Amino acid sequence: MAVNNASDATRVPPGQRLTNGFPVLHHGEVPYYRDMSKWDLRLFGLVEEEARLSYNTFMKLPRRTFANDIHCVTTWSKLDNEWEGVAVATVMEHVKLKPEAKYVMLHAEHGWTTNLPIADFLRDTSFFAIKHNGELLSPEHGYPVRMVVPHLYFWKSAKWLRGVEFMAADKPGFWERNGYSMYGDPWKEQRYDWD
């Protein structure tokens, strides 16, 4: 889809094309949750004390509305997304970081992972999404909770989130081990590790 106006053009990184849809891309099978008592979110690694938030506890956390554009490494961009979710700052109230924590590894179902500098994880624009455009996330888009880090390529917004590990040093997650950029800035077209 072509960019419709000049203001949209400033919101679309190089090499991207607009879509009105919401493409579904992932590795492996989609998890379907039937018993939410078995879901929790684990906060671990370089924290004073590990925390686990049950589904019921997580769903009772204060929520906010977030608006952003998202950019996929496969060259599509979707503008004007509205989300409902939990701010990272709210979740971080449940743990105390050790000073050496500089990176996070997001852990999702099926052993899928992706890495982030802690500064990117803690940004006000990063959050734990529950709804997209007024609807609960579908299983294909990460139900019950996905991370959203809109300033990076969308693979950094892990679907089916189950844990956040706080680390002293950066290490590659699933796609990063398979040739994707360690950081993934869409404005610099950091798609692959050879870019």
N, C-alpha and C. Protein backbone atom coordinates (compact mmCIF):
# COMPACT_ATOMS: atom_id res chain seq x y z
N MET A 1 0.85 -1.17 0.00
CA MET A 1 0.00 0.00 0.00
C MET A 1 0.89 1.23 0.00
N ALA A 2 0.54 2.19 -0.82
CA ALA A 2 1.31 3.42 -0.92
C ALA A 2 1.05 4.30 0.30
N VAL A 3 2.02 5.15 0.60
CA VAL A 3 1.86 6.15 1.66
C VAL A 3 0.88 7.20 1.16
N ASN A 4 -0.15 7.51 1.97
CA ASN A 4 -1.24 8.37 1.53
C ASN A 4 -0.94 9.86 1.61
N ASN A 5 -0.14 10.29 2.55
CA ASN A 5 0.12 11.72 2.67
C ASN A 5 1.51 11.95 3.24
N ALA A 6 1.93 13.20 3.21
CA ALA A 6 3.29 13.55 3.64
C ALA A 6 3.51 13.22 5.10
N SER A 7 2.50 13.42 5.96
CA SER A 7 2.70 13.14 7.38
C SER A 7 2.88 11.64 7.61
N ASP A 8 2.18 10.79 6.85
CA ASP A 8 2.40 9.35 6.96
C ASP A 8 3.81 8.98 6.53
N ALA A 9 4.34 9.66 5.51
CA ALA A 9 5.67 9.34 4.99
C ALA A 9 6.74 9.49 6.06
N THR A 10 6.58 10.44 6.95
CA THR A 10 7.57 10.63 8.01
C THR A 10 7.48 9.56 9.08
N ARG A 11 6.43 8.76 9.05
CA ARG A 11 6.23 7.71 10.05
C ARG A 11 6.61 6.33 9.54
N VAL A 12 7.00 6.23 8.29
CA VAL A 12 7.31 4.93 7.69
C VAL A 12 8.81 4.82 7.44
N PRO A 13 9.49 3.89 8.11
CA PRO A 13 10.94 3.76 7.93
C PRO A 13 11.31 3.35 6.51
N PRO A 14 12.56 3.53 6.13
CA PRO A 14 13.02 3.13 4.80
C PRO A 14 12.76 1.65 4.54
N GLY A 15 12.37 1.34 3.30
CA GLY A 15 12.18 -0.05 2.90
C GLY A 15 10.89 -0.69 3.35
N GLN A 16 10.00 0.10 3.97
CA GLN A 16 8.74 -0.44 4.48
C GLN A 16 7.58 -0.05 3.57
N ARG A 17 6.50 -0.84 3.59
CA ARG A 17 5.28 -0.53 2.87
C ARG A 17 4.12 -0.62 3.87
N LEU A 18 3.11 0.20 3.67
CA LEU A 18 1.97 0.22 4.59
C LEU A 18 1.01 -0.92 4.33
N THR A 19 0.39 -1.38 5.40
CA THR A 19 -0.69 -2.35 5.30
C THR A 19 -1.83 -1.91 6.21
N ASN A 20 -3.07 -2.21 5.80
CA ASN A 20 -4.21 -2.01 6.68
C ASN A 20 -4.51 -3.27 7.47
N GLY A 21 -3.96 -4.39 7.01
CA GLY A 21 -4.16 -5.66 7.71
C GLY A 21 -3.23 -5.78 8.90
N PHE A 22 -3.20 -6.97 9.46
CA PHE A 22 -2.32 -7.27 10.58
C PHE A 22 -1.74 -8.65 10.30
N PRO A 23 -0.69 -8.70 9.44
CA PRO A 23 -0.13 -10.00 9.05
C PRO A 23 0.27 -10.84 10.25
N VAL A 24 0.15 -12.14 10.09
CA VAL A 24 0.51 -13.10 11.14
C VAL A 24 1.79 -13.81 10.70
N LEU A 25 2.83 -13.60 11.46
CA LEU A 25 4.12 -14.23 11.18
C LEU A 25 4.69 -14.75 12.49
N HIS A 26 5.16 -15.97 12.49
CA HIS A 26 5.81 -16.52 13.67
C HIS A 26 6.48 -17.84 13.29
N HIS A 27 7.32 -18.31 14.19
CA HIS A 27 7.96 -19.60 14.03
C HIS A 27 7.25 -20.59 14.95
N GLY A 28 6.94 -21.77 14.45
CA GLY A 28 6.34 -22.80 15.30
C GLY A 28 4.83 -22.68 15.39
N GLU A 29 4.28 -23.48 16.28
CA GLU A 29 2.82 -23.56 16.43
C GLU A 29 2.28 -22.46 17.33
N VAL A 30 1.03 -22.11 17.10
CA VAL A 30 0.33 -21.14 17.94
C VAL A 30 -0.14 -21.86 19.20
N PRO A 31 0.22 -21.35 20.39
CA PRO A 31 -0.31 -21.97 21.61
C PRO A 31 -1.75 -21.51 21.87
N TYR A 32 -2.58 -22.44 22.27
CA TYR A 32 -3.96 -22.13 22.65
C TYR A 32 -4.11 -22.46 24.12
N TYR A 33 -4.52 -21.47 24.89
CA TYR A 33 -4.61 -21.62 26.34
C TYR A 33 -6.03 -21.98 26.72
N ARG A 34 -6.19 -23.10 27.40
CA ARG A 34 -7.50 -23.52 27.84
C ARG A 34 -7.66 -23.40 29.36
N ASP A 35 -6.56 -23.44 30.08
CA ASP A 35 -6.58 -23.36 31.54
C ASP A 35 -5.64 -22.24 31.96
N MET A 36 -6.19 -21.06 32.22
CA MET A 36 -5.35 -19.91 32.52
C MET A 36 -4.69 -20.00 33.89
N SER A 37 -5.10 -20.96 34.72
CA SER A 37 -4.42 -21.13 36.01
C SER A 37 -2.99 -21.65 35.80
N LYS A 38 -2.69 -22.13 34.60
CA LYS A 38 -1.34 -22.62 34.30
C LYS A 38 -0.44 -21.55 33.68
N TRP A 39 -1.01 -20.36 33.42
CA TRP A 39 -0.22 -19.26 32.83
C TRP A 39 0.29 -18.37 33.94
N ASP A 40 1.55 -17.98 33.86
CA ASP A 40 2.08 -16.93 34.72
C ASP A 40 3.18 -16.19 33.97
N LEU A 41 3.58 -15.07 34.53
CA LEU A 41 4.68 -14.29 33.98
C LEU A 41 5.78 -14.26 35.02
N ARG A 42 6.93 -14.80 34.64
CA ARG A 42 8.06 -14.92 35.55
C ARG A 42 9.04 -13.75 35.33
N LEU A 43 9.44 -13.09 36.40
CA LEU A 43 10.43 -12.02 36.37
C LEU A 43 11.64 -12.53 37.14
N PHE A 44 12.76 -12.74 36.46
CA PHE A 44 13.87 -13.46 37.09
C PHE A 44 15.21 -12.99 36.56
N GLY A 45 16.27 -13.59 37.04
CA GLY A 45 17.62 -13.20 36.65
C GLY A 45 18.19 -12.25 37.69
N LEU A 46 18.69 -11.11 37.25
CA LEU A 46 19.36 -10.16 38.14
C LEU A 46 18.36 -9.27 38.86
N VAL A 47 17.56 -9.93 39.72
CA VAL A 47 16.60 -9.25 40.59
C VAL A 47 16.87 -9.70 42.02
N GLU A 48 16.47 -8.87 42.97
CA GLU A 48 16.70 -9.24 44.37
C GLU A 48 15.92 -10.50 44.74
N GLU A 49 14.71 -10.61 44.21
CA GLU A 49 13.89 -11.79 44.47
C GLU A 49 13.00 -12.04 43.26
N GLU A 50 13.04 -13.27 42.75
CA GLU A 50 12.22 -13.63 41.59
C GLU A 50 10.73 -13.44 41.90
N ALA A 51 9.97 -13.04 40.90
CA ALA A 51 8.52 -12.88 41.05
C ALA A 51 7.80 -13.65 39.96
N ARG A 52 6.64 -14.17 40.30
CA ARG A 52 5.75 -14.81 39.33
C ARG A 52 4.38 -14.18 39.49
N LEU A 53 3.86 -13.65 38.38
CA LEU A 53 2.54 -13.05 38.40
C LEU A 53 1.58 -14.03 37.74
N SER A 54 0.59 -14.48 38.50
CA SER A 54 -0.42 -15.38 37.93
C SER A 54 -1.26 -14.61 36.91
N TYR A 55 -2.01 -15.34 36.11
CA TYR A 55 -2.90 -14.71 35.14
C TYR A 55 -3.87 -13.77 35.85
N ASN A 56 -4.48 -14.23 36.94
CA ASN A 56 -5.45 -13.39 37.65
C ASN A 56 -4.79 -12.14 38.21
N THR A 57 -3.59 -12.29 38.76
CA THR A 57 -2.87 -11.13 39.29
C THR A 57 -2.52 -10.16 38.17
N PHE A 58 -2.01 -10.69 37.07
CA PHE A 58 -1.62 -9.82 35.95
C PHE A 58 -2.82 -9.06 35.41
N MET A 59 -3.95 -9.75 35.25
CA MET A 59 -5.13 -9.11 34.67
C MET A 59 -5.75 -8.06 35.59
N LYS A 60 -5.38 -8.05 36.87
CA LYS A 60 -5.87 -7.03 37.81
C LYS A 60 -4.97 -5.81 37.87
N LEU A 61 -3.81 -5.86 37.19
CA LEU A 61 -2.90 -4.71 37.20
C LEU A 61 -3.54 -3.54 36.46
N PRO A 62 -3.22 -2.32 36.87
CA PRO A 62 -3.76 -1.15 36.16
C PRO A 62 -3.35 -1.17 34.70
N ARG A 63 -4.27 -0.78 33.84
CA ARG A 63 -4.03 -0.77 32.39
C ARG A 63 -4.07 0.64 31.85
N ARG A 64 -3.45 0.78 30.69
CA ARG A 64 -3.45 2.06 29.97
C ARG A 64 -3.73 1.79 28.51
N THR A 65 -4.06 2.86 27.80
CA THR A 65 -4.16 2.80 26.35
C THR A 65 -2.86 3.34 25.77
N PHE A 66 -2.37 2.65 24.75
CA PHE A 66 -1.14 3.04 24.06
C PHE A 66 -1.47 3.16 22.58
N ALA A 67 -0.87 4.13 21.91
CA ALA A 67 -1.05 4.29 20.46
C ALA A 67 0.34 4.31 19.83
N ASN A 68 0.49 3.57 18.72
CA ASN A 68 1.79 3.53 18.06
C ASN A 68 1.68 3.02 16.64
N ASP A 69 2.80 3.08 15.95
CA ASP A 69 2.98 2.45 14.65
C ASP A 69 3.89 1.25 14.87
N ILE A 70 3.70 0.21 14.07
CA ILE A 70 4.55 -0.97 14.19
C ILE A 70 5.17 -1.28 12.83
N HIS A 71 6.38 -1.82 12.88
CA HIS A 71 7.16 -2.07 11.67
C HIS A 71 7.76 -3.47 11.74
N CYS A 72 7.41 -4.30 10.78
CA CYS A 72 7.90 -5.68 10.75
C CYS A 72 9.16 -5.76 9.89
N VAL A 73 10.08 -6.60 10.28
CA VAL A 73 11.31 -6.81 9.53
C VAL A 73 11.02 -7.31 8.11
N THR A 74 9.85 -7.90 7.89
CA THR A 74 9.49 -8.40 6.55
C THR A 74 8.94 -7.30 5.65
N THR A 75 9.09 -6.06 6.06
CA THR A 75 8.85 -4.82 5.30
C THR A 75 7.44 -4.25 5.39
N TRP A 76 6.55 -4.77 6.22
CA TRP A 76 5.26 -4.10 6.35
C TRP A 76 5.26 -3.20 7.59
N SER A 77 4.50 -2.12 7.48
CA SER A 77 4.27 -1.20 8.59
C SER A 77 2.76 -1.00 8.74
N LYS A 78 2.31 -0.91 9.98
CA LYS A 78 0.90 -0.68 10.27
C LYS A 78 0.84 0.54 11.19
N LEU A 79 0.17 1.58 10.71
CA LEU A 79 0.07 2.84 11.46
C LEU A 79 -1.17 2.86 12.34
N ASP A 80 -1.13 3.73 13.33
CA ASP A 80 -2.29 4.05 14.17
C ASP A 80 -2.89 2.84 14.88
N ASN A 81 -2.06 2.07 15.51
CA ASN A 81 -2.53 0.96 16.34
C ASN A 81 -2.93 1.48 17.71
N GLU A 82 -4.02 0.97 18.23
CA GLU A 82 -4.41 1.29 19.60
C GLU A 82 -4.39 0.00 20.40
N TRP A 83 -3.73 0.06 21.53
CA TRP A 83 -3.56 -1.11 22.39
C TRP A 83 -4.08 -0.80 23.79
N GLU A 84 -4.44 -1.85 24.49
CA GLU A 84 -4.66 -1.74 25.93
C GLU A 84 -3.67 -2.70 26.57
N GLY A 85 -3.00 -2.22 27.59
CA GLY A 85 -2.02 -3.07 28.23
C GLY A 85 -1.52 -2.50 29.53
N VAL A 86 -0.49 -3.15 30.03
CA VAL A 86 0.10 -2.81 31.32
C VAL A 86 1.47 -2.19 31.08
N ALA A 87 1.69 -1.04 31.64
CA ALA A 87 2.98 -0.36 31.49
C ALA A 87 4.09 -1.19 32.11
N VAL A 88 5.26 -1.15 31.51
CA VAL A 88 6.41 -1.86 32.06
C VAL A 88 6.67 -1.39 33.49
N ALA A 89 6.55 -0.10 33.75
CA ALA A 89 6.79 0.43 35.09
C ALA A 89 5.89 -0.24 36.13
N THR A 90 4.67 -0.55 35.75
CA THR A 90 3.73 -1.21 36.67
C THR A 90 4.21 -2.61 37.01
N VAL A 91 4.64 -3.36 36.01
CA VAL A 91 5.13 -4.72 36.25
C VAL A 91 6.42 -4.67 37.08
N MET A 92 7.25 -3.67 36.82
CA MET A 92 8.53 -3.57 37.52
C MET A 92 8.37 -3.26 39.00
N GLU A 93 7.19 -2.87 39.42
CA GLU A 93 6.94 -2.67 40.85
C GLU A 93 7.04 -3.99 41.63
N HIS A 94 7.02 -5.11 40.93
CA HIS A 94 7.04 -6.42 41.57
C HIS A 94 8.44 -6.99 41.77
N VAL A 95 9.46 -6.29 41.26
CA VAL A 95 10.84 -6.75 41.44
C VAL A 95 11.75 -5.55 41.68
N LYS A 96 12.90 -5.84 42.30
CA LYS A 96 13.95 -4.83 42.45
C LYS A 96 15.15 -5.33 41.67
N LEU A 97 15.58 -4.53 40.69
CA LEU A 97 16.70 -4.92 39.86
C LEU A 97 18.01 -4.80 40.61
N LYS A 98 18.92 -5.72 40.29
CA LYS A 98 20.30 -5.56 40.75
C LYS A 98 20.99 -4.56 39.82
N PRO A 99 21.97 -3.81 40.32
CA PRO A 99 22.58 -2.75 39.51
C PRO A 99 23.25 -3.24 38.24
N GLU A 100 23.68 -4.49 38.21
CA GLU A 100 24.37 -5.00 37.02
C GLU A 100 23.43 -5.41 35.89
N ALA A 101 22.12 -5.32 36.10
CA ALA A 101 21.15 -5.67 35.05
C ALA A 101 21.18 -4.62 33.94
N LYS A 102 21.61 -5.01 32.75
CA LYS A 102 21.75 -4.10 31.61
C LYS A 102 20.94 -4.54 30.39
N TYR A 103 20.48 -5.79 30.38
CA TYR A 103 19.75 -6.34 29.23
C TYR A 103 18.61 -7.20 29.75
N VAL A 104 17.66 -7.45 28.88
CA VAL A 104 16.61 -8.42 29.18
C VAL A 104 16.52 -9.44 28.05
N MET A 105 16.09 -10.62 28.41
CA MET A 105 15.71 -11.65 27.44
C MET A 105 14.23 -11.91 27.68
N LEU A 106 13.44 -11.72 26.64
CA LEU A 106 12.01 -12.03 26.73
C LEU A 106 11.83 -13.50 26.38
N HIS A 107 11.14 -14.24 27.25
CA HIS A 107 10.90 -15.66 27.06
C HIS A 107 9.43 -15.88 26.73
N ALA A 108 9.18 -16.62 25.66
CA ALA A 108 7.82 -16.90 25.22
C ALA A 108 7.62 -18.42 25.16
N GLU A 109 6.40 -18.82 24.80
CA GLU A 109 6.11 -20.25 24.66
C GLU A 109 7.04 -20.89 23.65
N HIS A 110 7.17 -22.21 23.75
CA HIS A 110 7.96 -23.05 22.83
C HIS A 110 9.44 -22.69 22.86
N GLY A 111 9.91 -22.06 23.95
CA GLY A 111 11.31 -21.73 24.07
C GLY A 111 11.76 -20.55 23.23
N TRP A 112 10.82 -19.80 22.65
CA TRP A 112 11.16 -18.66 21.81
C TRP A 112 11.65 -17.51 22.69
N THR A 113 12.69 -16.80 22.24
CA THR A 113 13.27 -15.71 23.01
C THR A 113 13.63 -14.54 22.09
N THR A 114 13.75 -13.35 22.67
CA THR A 114 14.35 -12.21 21.99
C THR A 114 14.97 -11.29 23.03
N ASN A 115 16.06 -10.63 22.64
CA ASN A 115 16.84 -9.80 23.55
C ASN A 115 16.58 -8.31 23.35
N LEU A 116 16.82 -7.56 24.42
CA LEU A 116 16.67 -6.09 24.39
C LEU A 116 17.64 -5.47 25.39
N PRO A 117 18.20 -4.32 25.08
CA PRO A 117 18.83 -3.54 26.14
C PRO A 117 17.77 -3.13 27.16
N ILE A 118 18.15 -3.09 28.41
CA ILE A 118 17.16 -2.80 29.45
C ILE A 118 16.55 -1.41 29.26
N ALA A 119 17.32 -0.47 28.73
CA ALA A 119 16.79 0.88 28.50
C ALA A 119 15.61 0.86 27.53
N ASP A 120 15.65 -0.02 26.53
CA ASP A 120 14.55 -0.13 25.57
C ASP A 120 13.34 -0.79 26.20
N PHE A 121 13.58 -1.81 27.02
CA PHE A 121 12.50 -2.48 27.75
C PHE A 121 11.78 -1.50 28.67
N LEU A 122 12.54 -0.64 29.34
CA LEU A 122 11.97 0.27 30.34
C LEU A 122 11.38 1.55 29.76
N ARG A 123 11.48 1.77 28.46
CA ARG A 123 10.93 2.99 27.86
C ARG A 123 9.43 3.11 28.13
N ASP A 124 8.97 4.35 28.24
CA ASP A 124 7.53 4.59 28.48
C ASP A 124 6.66 4.04 27.37
N THR A 125 7.21 3.88 26.18
CA THR A 125 6.43 3.39 25.04
C THR A 125 6.36 1.87 24.95
N SER A 126 7.13 1.16 25.78
CA SER A 126 7.10 -0.31 25.80
C SER A 126 6.06 -0.77 26.84
N PHE A 127 5.36 -1.86 26.52
CA PHE A 127 4.30 -2.30 27.42
C PHE A 127 3.92 -3.76 27.15
N PHE A 128 3.13 -4.29 28.06
CA PHE A 128 2.60 -5.65 27.95
C PHE A 128 1.18 -5.55 27.42
N ALA A 129 0.96 -5.98 26.18
CA ALA A 129 -0.33 -5.79 25.52
C ALA A 129 -1.30 -6.92 25.86
N ILE A 130 -2.56 -6.52 26.02
CA ILE A 130 -3.66 -7.46 26.24
C ILE A 130 -4.70 -7.34 25.12
N LYS A 131 -4.90 -6.11 24.63
CA LYS A 131 -5.88 -5.87 23.56
C LYS A 131 -5.23 -5.06 22.43
N HIS A 132 -5.74 -5.28 21.22
CA HIS A 132 -5.32 -4.50 20.05
C HIS A 132 -6.58 -4.00 19.36
N ASN A 133 -6.65 -2.70 19.15
CA ASN A 133 -7.80 -2.05 18.50
C ASN A 133 -9.13 -2.52 19.09
N GLY A 134 -9.17 -2.54 20.43
CA GLY A 134 -10.42 -2.82 21.14
C GLY A 134 -10.76 -4.28 21.36
N GLU A 135 -9.98 -5.19 20.79
CA GLU A 135 -10.26 -6.63 20.91
C GLU A 135 -9.14 -7.32 21.67
N LEU A 136 -9.50 -8.34 22.46
CA LEU A 136 -8.46 -9.16 23.07
C LEU A 136 -7.54 -9.68 21.98
N LEU A 137 -6.27 -9.79 22.28
CA LEU A 137 -5.35 -10.37 21.31
C LEU A 137 -5.85 -11.74 20.89
N SER A 138 -5.75 -12.04 19.63
CA SER A 138 -6.08 -13.39 19.16
C SER A 138 -4.90 -14.30 19.49
N PRO A 139 -5.13 -15.62 19.52
CA PRO A 139 -4.00 -16.52 19.74
C PRO A 139 -2.87 -16.29 18.74
N GLU A 140 -3.20 -16.01 17.49
CA GLU A 140 -2.17 -15.81 16.46
C GLU A 140 -1.33 -14.55 16.71
N HIS A 141 -1.90 -13.60 17.44
CA HIS A 141 -1.18 -12.35 17.71
C HIS A 141 -0.65 -12.27 19.14
N GLY A 142 -0.67 -13.38 19.86
CA GLY A 142 0.04 -13.42 21.13
C GLY A 142 -0.78 -13.56 22.40
N TYR A 143 -2.07 -13.86 22.30
CA TYR A 143 -2.90 -14.04 23.50
C TYR A 143 -2.23 -15.01 24.46
N PRO A 144 -2.21 -14.74 25.75
CA PRO A 144 -2.93 -13.67 26.44
C PRO A 144 -2.14 -12.35 26.57
N VAL A 145 -0.80 -12.42 26.48
CA VAL A 145 0.01 -11.22 26.67
C VAL A 145 1.18 -11.24 25.69
N ARG A 146 1.38 -10.12 25.02
CA ARG A 146 2.58 -9.97 24.21
C ARG A 146 3.29 -8.69 24.63
N MET A 147 4.58 -8.70 24.51
CA MET A 147 5.37 -7.50 24.72
C MET A 147 5.21 -6.62 23.50
N VAL A 148 5.18 -5.31 23.66
CA VAL A 148 5.20 -4.41 22.52
C VAL A 148 6.30 -3.38 22.76
N VAL A 149 7.25 -3.37 21.82
CA VAL A 149 8.39 -2.45 21.83
C VAL A 149 8.36 -1.75 20.47
N PRO A 150 7.52 -0.72 20.31
CA PRO A 150 7.21 -0.22 18.97
C PRO A 150 8.34 0.48 18.24
N HIS A 151 9.37 0.93 18.95
CA HIS A 151 10.45 1.63 18.26
C HIS A 151 11.46 0.68 17.61
N LEU A 152 11.30 -0.63 17.83
CA LEU A 152 12.15 -1.64 17.20
C LEU A 152 11.30 -2.49 16.26
N TYR A 153 11.97 -3.23 15.36
CA TYR A 153 11.22 -4.15 14.50
C TYR A 153 10.35 -5.06 15.36
N PHE A 154 9.24 -5.47 14.80
CA PHE A 154 8.17 -6.11 15.58
C PHE A 154 8.53 -7.49 16.12
N TRP A 155 9.60 -8.14 15.60
CA TRP A 155 9.94 -9.43 16.20
C TRP A 155 10.42 -9.25 17.64
N LYS A 156 10.83 -8.04 18.01
CA LYS A 156 11.24 -7.77 19.39
C LYS A 156 10.03 -7.69 20.32
N SER A 157 8.83 -7.64 19.77
CA SER A 157 7.58 -7.59 20.55
C SER A 157 7.05 -9.02 20.71
N ALA A 158 7.67 -9.75 21.60
CA ALA A 158 7.44 -11.19 21.74
C ALA A 158 5.98 -11.53 22.02
N LYS A 159 5.45 -12.45 21.21
CA LYS A 159 4.11 -13.01 21.46
C LYS A 159 4.19 -14.06 22.56
N TRP A 160 3.05 -14.36 23.16
CA TRP A 160 2.90 -15.47 24.12
C TRP A 160 3.94 -15.38 25.24
N LEU A 161 4.09 -14.18 25.76
CA LEU A 161 5.14 -13.90 26.73
C LEU A 161 4.94 -14.70 28.01
N ARG A 162 6.02 -15.27 28.52
CA ARG A 162 5.99 -16.03 29.77
C ARG A 162 7.03 -15.60 30.77
N GLY A 163 8.05 -14.85 30.32
CA GLY A 163 9.08 -14.46 31.28
C GLY A 163 9.94 -13.32 30.78
N VAL A 164 10.47 -12.58 31.75
CA VAL A 164 11.45 -11.54 31.48
C VAL A 164 12.66 -11.84 32.35
N GLU A 165 13.78 -12.10 31.68
CA GLU A 165 15.03 -12.40 32.38
C GLU A 165 15.94 -11.18 32.32
N PHE A 166 16.43 -10.75 33.45
CA PHE A 166 17.31 -9.59 33.53
C PHE A 166 18.76 -10.08 33.56
N MET A 167 19.60 -9.51 32.67
CA MET A 167 20.94 -10.04 32.45
C MET A 167 21.98 -8.93 32.50
N ALA A 168 23.22 -9.28 32.79
CA ALA A 168 24.33 -8.33 32.79
C ALA A 168 24.87 -8.09 31.39
N ALA A 169 24.84 -9.11 30.55
CA ALA A 169 25.41 -9.01 29.21
C ALA A 169 24.37 -9.39 28.17
N ASP A 170 24.51 -8.84 26.99
CA ASP A 170 23.60 -9.15 25.89
C ASP A 170 23.90 -10.54 25.34
N LYS A 171 22.86 -11.22 24.93
CA LYS A 171 23.03 -12.49 24.22
C LYS A 171 21.88 -12.63 23.24
N PRO A 172 22.09 -13.34 22.15
CA PRO A 172 21.06 -13.42 21.12
C PRO A 172 19.88 -14.30 21.53
N GLY A 173 18.69 -13.88 21.07
CA GLY A 173 17.50 -14.71 21.20
C GLY A 173 17.35 -15.59 19.97
N PHE A 174 16.16 -16.12 19.76
CA PHE A 174 15.92 -17.08 18.67
C PHE A 174 16.26 -16.52 17.30
N TRP A 175 15.62 -15.41 16.91
CA TRP A 175 15.87 -14.87 15.57
C TRP A 175 17.26 -14.27 15.45
N GLU A 176 17.77 -13.74 16.54
CA GLU A 176 19.12 -13.18 16.51
C GLU A 176 20.15 -14.28 16.27
N ARG A 177 19.94 -15.46 16.83
CA ARG A 177 20.84 -16.60 16.56
C ARG A 177 20.71 -17.07 15.11
N ASN A 178 19.60 -16.70 14.47
CA ASN A 178 19.35 -17.14 13.10
C ASN A 178 19.53 -16.02 12.08
N GLY A 179 20.36 -15.05 12.40
CA GLY A 179 20.77 -14.06 11.41
C GLY A 179 20.16 -12.68 11.52
N TYR A 180 19.20 -12.48 12.44
CA TYR A 180 18.61 -11.16 12.59
C TYR A 180 19.51 -10.26 13.43
N SER A 181 19.33 -8.95 13.27
CA SER A 181 20.10 -7.96 14.01
C SER A 181 19.93 -8.14 15.52
N MET A 182 20.97 -7.85 16.26
CA MET A 182 20.88 -7.91 17.72
C MET A 182 19.99 -6.79 18.25
N TYR A 183 19.87 -5.67 17.50
CA TYR A 183 19.08 -4.55 18.01
C TYR A 183 17.78 -4.35 17.23
N GLY A 184 17.83 -4.17 15.93
CA GLY A 184 16.60 -4.09 15.14
C GLY A 184 15.94 -2.74 15.05
N ASP A 185 16.72 -1.69 14.79
CA ASP A 185 16.16 -0.35 14.62
C ASP A 185 15.62 -0.21 13.20
N PRO A 186 14.29 -0.04 13.02
CA PRO A 186 13.74 0.05 11.66
C PRO A 186 14.19 1.29 10.91
N TRP A 187 14.52 2.38 11.60
CA TRP A 187 14.93 3.61 10.95
C TRP A 187 16.35 3.50 10.39
N LYS A 188 17.11 2.53 10.90
CA LYS A 188 18.46 2.27 10.37
C LYS A 188 18.48 1.00 9.53
N GLU A 189 17.30 0.40 9.31
CA GLU A 189 17.15 -0.86 8.56
C GLU A 189 18.08 -1.94 9.10
N GLN A 190 18.10 -2.08 10.41
CA GLN A 190 18.90 -3.12 11.06
C GLN A 190 18.11 -4.43 11.06
N ARG A 191 17.97 -4.99 9.89
CA ARG A 191 17.19 -6.22 9.74
C ARG A 191 18.01 -7.46 10.10
N TYR A 192 19.19 -7.54 9.57
CA TYR A 192 20.00 -8.75 9.69
C TYR A 192 21.36 -8.41 10.25
N ASP A 193 22.07 -9.39 10.78
CA ASP A 193 23.34 -9.12 11.44
C ASP A 193 24.44 -8.67 10.48
N TRP A 194 24.21 -8.79 9.19
CA TRP A 194 25.20 -8.31 8.22
C TRP A 194 24.87 -6.90 7.71
N ASP A 195 23.74 -6.31 8.18
CA ASP A 195 23.37 -4.95 7.75
C ASP A 195 24.24 -3.91 8.43
